[in-house]
Amino acid sequence: EYRWAGLEPPKVMVTTSRDPSSRLRLFAKELCLLLPGARRMNRGR
């Protein structure tokens, strides 16, 4: 499953469980800073 890894940068999506606390939202944001190119998505319902 990783045979093509490295040819293009990974596209990483970070989301949380439903109804996240403010601390979990902040941690998700910081995890996106740790992983270059990662994007955060609000999960909603």
All heavy atoms as atom14 arrays in JSON, in Angstrom:
{
  "sequence": "EYRWAGLEPPKVMVTTSRDPSSRLRLFAKELCLLLPGARRMNRGR",
  "atom14_mask": [
    [1, 1, 1, 1, 1, 1, 1, 1, 1, 0, 0, 0, 0, 0],
    [1, 1, 1, 1, 1, 1, 1, 1, 1, 1, 1, 1, 0, 0],
    [1, 1, 1, 1, 1, 1, 1, 1, 1, 1, 1, 0, 0, 0],
    [1, 1, 1, 1, 1, 1, 1, 1, 1, 1, 1, 1, 1, 1],
    [1, 1, 1, 1, 1, 0, 0, 0, 0, 0, 0, 0, 0, 0],
    [1, 1, 1, 1, 0, 0, 0, 0, 0, 0, 0, 0, 0, 0],
    [1, 1, 1, 1, 1, 1, 1, 1, 0, 0, 0, 0, 0, 0],
    [1, 1, 1, 1, 1, 1, 1, 1, 1, 0, 0, 0, 0, 0],
    [1, 1, 1, 1, 1, 1, 1, 0, 0, 0, 0, 0, 0, 0],
    [1, 1, 1, 1, 1, 1, 1, 0, 0, 0, 0, 0, 0, 0],
    [1, 1, 1, 1, 1, 1, 1, 1, 1, 0, 0, 0, 0, 0],
    [1, 1, 1, 1, 1, 1, 1, 0, 0, 0, 0, 0, 0, 0],
    [1, 1, 1, 1, 1, 1, 1, 1, 0, 0, 0, 0, 0, 0],
    [1, 1, 1, 1, 1, 1, 1, 0, 0, 0, 0, 0, 0, 0],
    [1, 1, 1, 1, 1, 1, 1, 0, 0, 0, 0, 0, 0, 0],
    [1, 1, 1, 1, 1, 1, 1, 0, 0, 0, 0, 0, 0, 0],
    [1, 1, 1, 1, 1, 1, 0, 0, 0, 0, 0, 0, 0, 0],
    [1, 1, 1, 1, 1, 1, 1, 1, 1, 1, 1, 0, 0, 0],
    [1, 1, 1, 1, 1, 1, 1, 1, 0, 0, 0, 0, 0, 0],
    [1, 1, 1, 1, 1, 1, 1, 0, 0, 0, 0, 0, 0, 0],
    [1, 1, 1, 1, 1, 1, 0, 0, 0, 0, 0, 0, 0, 0],
    [1, 1, 1, 1, 1, 1, 0, 0, 0, 0, 0, 0, 0, 0],
    [1, 1, 1, 1, 1, 1, 1, 1, 1, 1, 1, 0, 0, 0],
    [1, 1, 1, 1, 1, 1, 1, 1, 0, 0, 0, 0, 0, 0],
    [1, 1, 1, 1, 1, 1, 1, 1, 1, 1, 1, 0, 0, 0],
    [1, 1, 1, 1, 1, 1, 1, 1, 0, 0, 0, 0, 0, 0],
    [1, 1, 1, 1, 1, 1, 1, 1, 1, 1, 1, 0, 0, 0],
    [1, 1, 1, 1, 1, 0, 0, 0, 0, 0, 0, 0, 0, 0],
    [1, 1, 1, 1, 1, 1, 1, 1, 1, 0, 0, 0, 0, 0],
    [1, 1, 1, 1, 1, 1, 1, 1, 1, 0, 0, 0, 0, 0],
    [1, 1, 1, 1, 1, 1, 1, 1, 0, 0, 0, 0, 0, 0],
    [1, 1, 1, 1, 1, 1, 0, 0, 0, 0, 0, 0, 0, 0],
    [1, 1, 1, 1, 1, 1, 1, 1, 0, 0, 0, 0, 0, 0],
    [1, 1, 1, 1, 1, 1, 1, 1, 0, 0, 0, 0, 0, 0],
    [1, 1, 1, 1, 1, 1, 1, 1, 0, 0, 0, 0, 0, 0],
    [1, 1, 1, 1, 1, 1, 1, 0, 0, 0, 0, 0, 0, 0],
    [1, 1, 1, 1, 0, 0, 0, 0, 0, 0, 0, 0, 0, 0],
    [1, 1, 1, 1, 1, 0, 0, 0, 0, 0, 0, 0, 0, 0],
    [1, 1, 1, 1, 1, 1, 1, 1, 1, 1, 1, 0, 0, 0],
    [1, 1, 1, 1, 1, 1, 1, 1, 1, 1, 1, 0, 0, 0],
    [1, 1, 1, 1, 1, 1, 1, 1, 0, 0, 0, 0, 0, 0],
    [1, 1, 1, 1, 1, 1, 1, 1, 0, 0, 0, 0, 0, 0],
    [1, 1, 1, 1, 1, 1, 1, 1, 1, 1, 1, 0, 0, 0],
    [1, 1, 1, 1, 0, 0, 0, 0, 0, 0, 0, 0, 0, 0],
    [1, 1, 1, 1, 1, 1, 1, 1, 1, 1, 1, 0, 0, 0]
  ],
  "atom14_positions": [
    [[0.81, -1.21, 0.0], [0.0, 0.0, 0.0], [0.86, 1.27, 0.0], [0.37, 2.35, -0.29], [-0.97, 0.02, 1.19], [-0.31, 0.03, 2.54], [-0.04, -1.35, 3.1], [-0.33, -2.34, 2.42], [0.49, -1.43, 4.21], [0.0, 0.0, 0.0], [0.0, 0.0, 0.0], [0.0, 0.0, 0.0], [0.0, 0.0, 0.0], [0.0, 0.0, 0.0]],
    [[2.13, 1.16, 0.32], [3.02, 2.32, 0.31], [3.99, 2.3, -0.86], [4.97, 3.04, -0.87], [3.8, 2.39, 1.63], [2.93, 2.68, 2.82], [2.68, 1.72, 3.78], [2.35, 3.94, 2.97], [1.87, 1.99, 4.87], [1.55, 4.22, 4.05], [1.31, 3.25, 5.01], [0.51, 3.52, 6.08], [0.0, 0.0, 0.0], [0.0, 0.0, 0.0]],
    [[3.73, 1.5, -1.89], [4.69, 1.38, -2.98], [4.85, 2.67, -3.77], [5.88, 2.91, -4.36], [4.33, 0.23, -3.89], [3.1, 0.44, -4.73], [2.81, -0.75, -5.64], [1.48, -0.66, -6.18], [0.42, -1.25, -5.68], [0.55, -2.02, -4.63], [-0.76, -1.11, -6.22], [0.0, 0.0, 0.0], [0.0, 0.0, 0.0], [0.0, 0.0, 0.0]],
    [[3.83, 3.54, -3.8], [3.92, 4.8, -4.53], [4.23, 5.97, -3.61], [4.24, 7.12, -4.05], [2.62, 5.07, -5.3], [2.23, 3.97, -6.21], [1.13, 3.18, -6.09], [2.92, 3.51, -7.36], [1.09, 2.25, -7.1], [2.19, 2.44, -7.89], [4.1, 3.89, -8.0], [2.6, 1.75, -9.03], [4.49, 3.2, -9.13], [3.75, 2.15, -9.63]],
    [[4.45, 5.71, -2.34], [4.73, 6.79, -1.39], [6.04, 7.47, -1.74], [7.0, 6.83, -2.16], [4.79, 6.24, 0.03], [0.0, 0.0, 0.0], [0.0, 0.0, 0.0], [0.0, 0.0, 0.0], [0.0, 0.0, 0.0], [0.0, 0.0, 0.0], [0.0, 0.0, 0.0], [0.0, 0.0, 0.0], [0.0, 0.0, 0.0], [0.0, 0.0, 0.0]],
    [[6.08, 8.77, -1.59], [7.28, 9.53, -1.87], [7.27, 10.16, -3.25], [8.04, 11.09, -3.5], [0.0, 0.0, 0.0], [0.0, 0.0, 0.0], [0.0, 0.0, 0.0], [0.0, 0.0, 0.0], [0.0, 0.0, 0.0], [0.0, 0.0, 0.0], [0.0, 0.0, 0.0], [0.0, 0.0, 0.0], [0.0, 0.0, 0.0], [0.0, 0.0, 0.0]],
    [[6.42, 9.66, -4.16], [6.34, 10.27, -5.49], [5.61, 11.6, -5.42], [5.95, 12.54, -6.13], [5.63, 9.33, -6.46], [6.33, 8.01, -6.74], [5.5, 7.15, -7.67], [7.71, 8.26, -7.33], [0.0, 0.0, 0.0], [0.0, 0.0, 0.0], [0.0, 0.0, 0.0], [0.0, 0.0, 0.0], [0.0, 0.0, 0.0], [0.0, 0.0, 0.0]],
    [[4.6, 11.67, -4.57], [3.86, 12.91, -4.32], [3.75, 13.1, -2.82], [3.71, 12.11, -2.08], [2.45, 12.83, -4.93], [2.42, 12.84, -6.42], [0.99, 12.84, -6.95], [0.05, 13.04, -6.15], [0.83, 12.64, -8.16], [0.0, 0.0, 0.0], [0.0, 0.0, 0.0], [0.0, 0.0, 0.0], [0.0, 0.0, 0.0], [0.0, 0.0, 0.0]],
    [[3.66, 14.34, -2.36], [3.49, 14.54, -0.92], [2.16, 13.95, -0.45], [1.16, 13.97, -1.19], [3.48, 16.06, -0.75], [3.92, 16.63, -2.03], [3.77, 15.58, -3.1], [0.0, 0.0, 0.0], [0.0, 0.0, 0.0], [0.0, 0.0, 0.0], [0.0, 0.0, 0.0], [0.0, 0.0, 0.0], [0.0, 0.0, 0.0], [0.0, 0.0, 0.0]],
    [[2.12, 13.41, 0.76], [0.85, 12.86, 1.25], [-0.18, 13.96, 1.5], [0.17, 15.09, 1.84], [1.24, 12.18, 2.58], [2.49, 12.85, 2.98], [3.19, 13.29, 1.73], [0.0, 0.0, 0.0], [0.0, 0.0, 0.0], [0.0, 0.0, 0.0], [0.0, 0.0, 0.0], [0.0, 0.0, 0.0], [0.0, 0.0, 0.0], [0.0, 0.0, 0.0]],
    [[-1.43, 13.63, 1.28], [-2.54, 14.54, 1.6], [-3.19, 13.99, 2.86], [-3.86, 12.95, 2.8], [-3.54, 14.61, 0.46], [-3.05, 15.4, -0.74], [-4.07, 15.46, -1.84], [-5.21, 16.37, -1.46], [-6.2, 16.52, -2.55], [0.0, 0.0, 0.0], [0.0, 0.0, 0.0], [0.0, 0.0, 0.0], [0.0, 0.0, 0.0], [0.0, 0.0, 0.0]],
    [[-2.97, 14.66, 3.97], [-3.45, 14.19, 5.28], [-4.61, 15.06, 5.71], [-4.54, 16.29, 5.66], [-2.31, 14.22, 6.32], [-2.81, 13.76, 7.67], [-1.14, 13.37, 5.86], [0.0, 0.0, 0.0], [0.0, 0.0, 0.0], [0.0, 0.0, 0.0], [0.0, 0.0, 0.0], [0.0, 0.0, 0.0], [0.0, 0.0, 0.0], [0.0, 0.0, 0.0]],
    [[-5.68, 14.41, 6.17], [-6.86, 15.1, 6.7], [-6.97, 14.75, 8.19], [-6.91, 13.57, 8.55], [-8.11, 14.66, 5.95], [-9.34, 15.43, 6.31], [-9.29, 17.16, 5.8], [-9.32, 17.01, 4.04], [0.0, 0.0, 0.0], [0.0, 0.0, 0.0], [0.0, 0.0, 0.0], [0.0, 0.0, 0.0], [0.0, 0.0, 0.0], [0.0, 0.0, 0.0]],
    [[-7.12, 15.78, 9.03], [-7.25, 15.59, 10.47], [-8.65, 16.02, 10.87], [-9.1, 17.11, 10.52], [-6.2, 16.42, 11.25], [-6.38, 16.26, 12.74], [-4.8, 16.02, 10.83], [0.0, 0.0, 0.0], [0.0, 0.0, 0.0], [0.0, 0.0, 0.0], [0.0, 0.0, 0.0], [0.0, 0.0, 0.0], [0.0, 0.0, 0.0], [0.0, 0.0, 0.0]],
    [[-9.34, 15.16, 11.62], [-10.65, 15.5, 12.14], [-10.76, 14.98, 13.57], [-9.85, 14.3, 14.05], [-11.78, 14.95, 11.24], [-13.02, 15.49, 11.65], [-11.83, 13.43, 11.27], [0.0, 0.0, 0.0], [0.0, 0.0, 0.0], [0.0, 0.0, 0.0], [0.0, 0.0, 0.0], [0.0, 0.0, 0.0], [0.0, 0.0, 0.0], [0.0, 0.0, 0.0]],
    [[-11.86, 15.29, 14.22], [-12.04, 14.9, 15.62], [-13.28, 14.04, 15.75], [-14.05, 13.86, 14.81], [-12.21, 16.15, 16.5], [-13.38, 16.86, 16.07], [-11.0, 17.07, 16.41], [0.0, 0.0, 0.0], [0.0, 0.0, 0.0], [0.0, 0.0, 0.0], [0.0, 0.0, 0.0], [0.0, 0.0, 0.0], [0.0, 0.0, 0.0], [0.0, 0.0, 0.0]],
    [[-13.49, 13.56, 16.96], [-14.74, 12.88, 17.26], [-15.84, 13.94, 17.27], [-15.57, 15.14, 17.19], [-14.64, 12.18, 18.61], [-14.26, 13.09, 19.61], [0.0, 0.0, 0.0], [0.0, 0.0, 0.0], [0.0, 0.0, 0.0], [0.0, 0.0, 0.0], [0.0, 0.0, 0.0], [0.0, 0.0, 0.0], [0.0, 0.0, 0.0], [0.0, 0.0, 0.0]],
    [[-17.07, 13.51, 17.38], [-18.18, 14.46, 17.36], [-18.16, 15.36, 18.58], [-17.76, 14.95, 19.66], [-19.5, 13.72, 17.32], [-19.74, 13.07, 15.99], [-21.15, 12.57, 15.94], [-21.38, 11.91, 14.68], [-22.12, 10.84, 14.56], [-22.71, 10.31, 15.6], [-22.29, 10.3, 13.38], [0.0, 0.0, 0.0], [0.0, 0.0, 0.0], [0.0, 0.0, 0.0]],
    [[-18.63, 16.59, 18.39], [-18.74, 17.59, 19.45], [-17.46, 17.7, 20.27], [-17.43, 17.43, 21.46], [-19.94, 17.25, 20.35], [-20.3, 18.41, 21.27], [-20.0, 19.57, 20.9], [-20.87, 18.16, 22.34], [0.0, 0.0, 0.0], [0.0, 0.0, 0.0], [0.0, 0.0, 0.0], [0.0, 0.0, 0.0], [0.0, 0.0, 0.0], [0.0, 0.0, 0.0]],
    [[-16.35, 18.12, 19.63], [-15.07, 18.17, 20.33], [-15.0, 19.35, 21.31], [-15.64, 20.38, 21.11], [-14.06, 18.36, 19.2], [-14.83, 19.07, 18.15], [-16.24, 18.55, 18.24], [0.0, 0.0, 0.0], [0.0, 0.0, 0.0], [0.0, 0.0, 0.0], [0.0, 0.0, 0.0], [0.0, 0.0, 0.0], [0.0, 0.0, 0.0], [0.0, 0.0, 0.0]],
    [[-14.18, 19.18, 22.34], [-13.94, 20.27, 23.27], [-12.99, 21.27, 22.61], [-12.38, 20.99, 21.58], [-13.31, 19.73, 24.56], [-12.02, 19.23, 24.29], [0.0, 0.0, 0.0], [0.0, 0.0, 0.0], [0.0, 0.0, 0.0], [0.0, 0.0, 0.0], [0.0, 0.0, 0.0], [0.0, 0.0, 0.0], [0.0, 0.0, 0.0], [0.0, 0.0, 0.0]],
    [[-12.84, 22.43, 23.22], [-11.95, 23.44, 22.65], [-10.5, 22.96, 22.69], [-9.72, 23.26, 21.78], [-12.1, 24.76, 23.4], [-11.79, 24.59, 24.76], [0.0, 0.0, 0.0], [0.0, 0.0, 0.0], [0.0, 0.0, 0.0], [0.0, 0.0, 0.0], [0.0, 0.0, 0.0], [0.0, 0.0, 0.0], [0.0, 0.0, 0.0], [0.0, 0.0, 0.0]],
    [[-10.13, 22.2, 23.72], [-8.75, 21.69, 23.8], [-8.48, 20.68, 22.68], [-7.4, 20.67, 22.1], [-8.48, 21.07, 25.16], [-7.05, 20.6, 25.33], [-6.72, 20.29, 26.77], [-5.41, 19.73, 26.92], [-4.3, 20.43, 27.12], [-4.37, 21.75, 27.21], [-3.14, 19.84, 27.24], [0.0, 0.0, 0.0], [0.0, 0.0, 0.0], [0.0, 0.0, 0.0]],
    [[-9.45, 19.83, 22.36], [-9.24, 18.86, 21.29], [-9.16, 19.57, 19.94], [-8.34, 19.2, 19.09], [-10.35, 17.81, 21.26], [-10.14, 16.67, 20.28], [-8.92, 15.84, 20.67], [-11.36, 15.79, 20.18], [0.0, 0.0, 0.0], [0.0, 0.0, 0.0], [0.0, 0.0, 0.0], [0.0, 0.0, 0.0], [0.0, 0.0, 0.0], [0.0, 0.0, 0.0]],
    [[-9.96, 20.61, 19.75], [-9.87, 21.39, 18.51], [-8.49, 22.03, 18.37], [-7.9, 22.04, 17.29], [-10.95, 22.47, 18.49], [-12.23, 21.98, 17.91], [-13.2, 23.13, 17.67], [-14.42, 22.79, 18.36], [-15.01, 23.5, 19.3], [-14.53, 24.66, 19.64], [-16.1, 23.08, 19.87], [0.0, 0.0, 0.0], [0.0, 0.0, 0.0], [0.0, 0.0, 0.0]],
    [[-7.98, 22.57, 19.48], [-6.66, 23.18, 19.47], [-5.57, 22.14, 19.21], [-4.62, 22.39, 18.46], [-6.4, 23.92, 20.79], [-5.13, 24.74, 20.89], [-5.09, 25.81, 19.81], [-5.03, 25.39, 22.26], [0.0, 0.0, 0.0], [0.0, 0.0, 0.0], [0.0, 0.0, 0.0], [0.0, 0.0, 0.0], [0.0, 0.0, 0.0], [0.0, 0.0, 0.0]],
    [[-5.72, 20.96, 19.81], [-4.73, 19.89, 19.58], [-4.76, 19.44, 18.12], [-3.71, 19.18, 17.53], [-4.99, 18.72, 20.52], [-3.94, 17.65, 20.43], [-2.67, 17.86, 20.96], [-4.2, 16.46, 19.8], [-1.69, 16.89, 20.86], [-3.24, 15.48, 19.69], [-1.97, 15.69, 20.22], [0.0, 0.0, 0.0], [0.0, 0.0, 0.0], [0.0, 0.0, 0.0]],
    [[-5.94, 19.36, 17.52], [-6.05, 19.0, 16.1], [-5.35, 20.04, 15.23], [-4.67, 19.7, 14.25], [-7.51, 18.86, 15.7], [0.0, 0.0, 0.0], [0.0, 0.0, 0.0], [0.0, 0.0, 0.0], [0.0, 0.0, 0.0], [0.0, 0.0, 0.0], [0.0, 0.0, 0.0], [0.0, 0.0, 0.0], [0.0, 0.0, 0.0], [0.0, 0.0, 0.0]],
    [[-5.51, 21.29, 15.59], [-4.85, 22.37, 14.84], [-3.33, 22.25, 14.94], [-2.61, 22.42, 13.95], [-5.32, 23.71, 15.4], [-4.88, 24.92, 14.64], [-5.51, 26.15, 15.25], [-5.09, 27.4, 14.55], [-5.69, 28.6, 15.13], [0.0, 0.0, 0.0], [0.0, 0.0, 0.0], [0.0, 0.0, 0.0], [0.0, 0.0, 0.0], [0.0, 0.0, 0.0]],
    [[-2.84, 21.93, 16.14], [-1.4, 21.79, 16.33], [-0.85, 20.53, 15.66], [0.29, 20.51, 15.21], [-1.06, 21.83, 17.8], [-1.3, 23.21, 18.39], [-0.7, 23.38, 19.75], [-0.08, 22.43, 20.27], [-0.84, 24.47, 20.31], [0.0, 0.0, 0.0], [0.0, 0.0, 0.0], [0.0, 0.0, 0.0], [0.0, 0.0, 0.0], [0.0, 0.0, 0.0]],
    [[-1.66, 19.48, 15.59], [-1.24, 18.28, 14.88], [-1.07, 18.59, 13.39], [-0.18, 18.05, 12.75], [-2.26, 17.17, 15.1], [-1.85, 15.76, 14.67], [-0.6, 15.31, 15.42], [-2.98, 14.8, 14.9], [0.0, 0.0, 0.0], [0.0, 0.0, 0.0], [0.0, 0.0, 0.0], [0.0, 0.0, 0.0], [0.0, 0.0, 0.0], [0.0, 0.0, 0.0]],
    [[-1.9, 19.48, 12.87], [-1.76, 19.92, 11.47], [-0.47, 20.69, 11.27], [0.12, 20.65, 10.18], [-2.96, 20.75, 11.04], [-4.46, 19.8, 10.84], [0.0, 0.0, 0.0], [0.0, 0.0, 0.0], [0.0, 0.0, 0.0], [0.0, 0.0, 0.0], [0.0, 0.0, 0.0], [0.0, 0.0, 0.0], [0.0, 0.0, 0.0], [0.0, 0.0, 0.0]],
    [[-0.01, 21.4, 12.29], [1.27, 22.11, 12.18], [2.45, 21.13, 12.25], [3.49, 21.37, 11.66], [1.4, 23.15, 13.29], [0.44, 24.33, 13.21], [0.58, 25.21, 14.44], [0.66, 25.13, 11.95], [0.0, 0.0, 0.0], [0.0, 0.0, 0.0], [0.0, 0.0, 0.0], [0.0, 0.0, 0.0], [0.0, 0.0, 0.0], [0.0, 0.0, 0.0]],
    [[2.26, 20.03, 12.98], [3.29, 19.0, 13.07], [3.44, 18.26, 11.74], [4.55, 17.93, 11.33], [2.95, 18.01, 14.2], [3.88, 16.82, 14.38], [5.24, 17.3, 14.87], [3.28, 15.84, 15.37], [0.0, 0.0, 0.0], [0.0, 0.0, 0.0], [0.0, 0.0, 0.0], [0.0, 0.0, 0.0], [0.0, 0.0, 0.0], [0.0, 0.0, 0.0]],
    [[2.32, 18.02, 11.07], [2.3, 17.3, 9.79], [2.19, 18.31, 8.65], [1.11, 18.83, 8.4], [1.12, 16.34, 9.74], [1.07, 15.26, 10.8], [-0.31, 14.62, 10.83], [2.13, 14.23, 10.56], [0.0, 0.0, 0.0], [0.0, 0.0, 0.0], [0.0, 0.0, 0.0], [0.0, 0.0, 0.0], [0.0, 0.0, 0.0], [0.0, 0.0, 0.0]],
    [[3.27, 18.63, 7.95], [3.21, 19.63, 6.89], [2.19, 19.24, 5.81], [2.15, 18.1, 5.37], [4.62, 19.63, 6.31], [5.47, 19.03, 7.36], [4.6, 18.07, 8.12], [0.0, 0.0, 0.0], [0.0, 0.0, 0.0], [0.0, 0.0, 0.0], [0.0, 0.0, 0.0], [0.0, 0.0, 0.0], [0.0, 0.0, 0.0], [0.0, 0.0, 0.0]],
    [[1.38, 20.19, 5.43], [0.39, 19.95, 4.39], [-0.9, 19.33, 4.88], [-1.82, 19.15, 4.1], [0.0, 0.0, 0.0], [0.0, 0.0, 0.0], [0.0, 0.0, 0.0], [0.0, 0.0, 0.0], [0.0, 0.0, 0.0], [0.0, 0.0, 0.0], [0.0, 0.0, 0.0], [0.0, 0.0, 0.0], [0.0, 0.0, 0.0], [0.0, 0.0, 0.0]],
    [[-0.98, 18.98, 6.16], [-2.22, 18.4, 6.69], [-3.29, 19.48, 6.79], [-3.0, 20.63, 7.06], [-1.97, 17.78, 8.07], [0.0, 0.0, 0.0], [0.0, 0.0, 0.0], [0.0, 0.0, 0.0], [0.0, 0.0, 0.0], [0.0, 0.0, 0.0], [0.0, 0.0, 0.0], [0.0, 0.0, 0.0], [0.0, 0.0, 0.0], [0.0, 0.0, 0.0]],
    [[-4.53, 19.05, 6.58], [-5.66, 19.97, 6.67], [-6.62, 19.45, 7.72], [-6.78, 18.24, 7.9], [-6.34, 20.08, 5.31], [-5.39, 20.69, 4.29], [-5.95, 20.75, 2.92], [-7.23, 21.44, 2.89], [-8.04, 21.43, 1.86], [-7.71, 20.76, 0.78], [-9.19, 22.07, 1.88], [0.0, 0.0, 0.0], [0.0, 0.0, 0.0], [0.0, 0.0, 0.0]],
    [[-7.27, 20.39, 8.38], [-8.23, 20.04, 9.42], [-9.63, 20.18, 8.86], [-9.93, 21.12, 8.13], [-8.04, 20.97, 10.63], [-8.81, 20.56, 11.84], [-8.38, 21.36, 13.05], [-8.35, 22.78, 12.83], [-9.34, 23.6, 13.11], [-10.45, 23.15, 13.62], [-9.22, 24.9, 12.88], [0.0, 0.0, 0.0], [0.0, 0.0, 0.0], [0.0, 0.0, 0.0]],
    [[-10.49, 19.22, 9.21], [-11.86, 19.23, 8.72], [-12.8, 19.16, 9.92], [-12.62, 18.31, 10.81], [-12.1, 18.02, 7.81], [-13.52, 17.91, 7.32], [-13.75, 16.58, 6.11], [-13.25, 15.15, 7.01], [0.0, 0.0, 0.0], [0.0, 0.0, 0.0], [0.0, 0.0, 0.0], [0.0, 0.0, 0.0], [0.0, 0.0, 0.0], [0.0, 0.0, 0.0]],
    [[-13.77, 20.07, 9.96], [-14.8, 19.99, 10.98], [-15.72, 18.83, 10.65], [-16.27, 18.77, 9.55], [-15.59, 21.3, 11.06], [-14.74, 22.44, 11.58], [-13.82, 22.22, 12.36], [-15.04, 23.64, 11.15], [0.0, 0.0, 0.0], [0.0, 0.0, 0.0], [0.0, 0.0, 0.0], [0.0, 0.0, 0.0], [0.0, 0.0, 0.0], [0.0, 0.0, 0.0]],
    [[-15.91, 17.95, 11.6], [-16.68, 16.75, 11.34], [-18.18, 16.99, 11.35], [-18.92, 16.43, 10.56], [-16.32, 15.68, 12.38], [-17.07, 14.4, 12.16], [-16.55, 13.32, 13.02], [-17.33, 12.1, 12.87], [-17.05, 10.98, 13.46], [-16.0, 10.93, 14.24], [-17.8, 9.93, 13.29], [0.0, 0.0, 0.0], [0.0, 0.0, 0.0], [0.0, 0.0, 0.0]],
    [[-18.65, 17.81, 12.26], [-20.08, 18.03, 12.38], [-20.77, 16.75, 12.79], [-20.35, 16.05, 13.69], [0.0, 0.0, 0.0], [0.0, 0.0, 0.0], [0.0, 0.0, 0.0], [0.0, 0.0, 0.0], [0.0, 0.0, 0.0], [0.0, 0.0, 0.0], [0.0, 0.0, 0.0], [0.0, 0.0, 0.0], [0.0, 0.0, 0.0], [0.0, 0.0, 0.0]],
    [[-21.85, 16.41, 12.1], [-22.6, 15.19, 12.42], [-22.31, 14.05, 11.43], [-23.04, 13.07, 11.39], [-24.09, 15.48, 12.42], [-24.51, 16.44, 13.51], [-26.02, 16.6, 13.5], [-26.44, 17.55, 14.5], [-26.74, 17.23, 15.75], [-26.64, 15.99, 16.16], [-27.12, 18.16, 16.59], [0.0, 0.0, 0.0], [0.0, 0.0, 0.0], [0.0, 0.0, 0.0]]
  ]
}
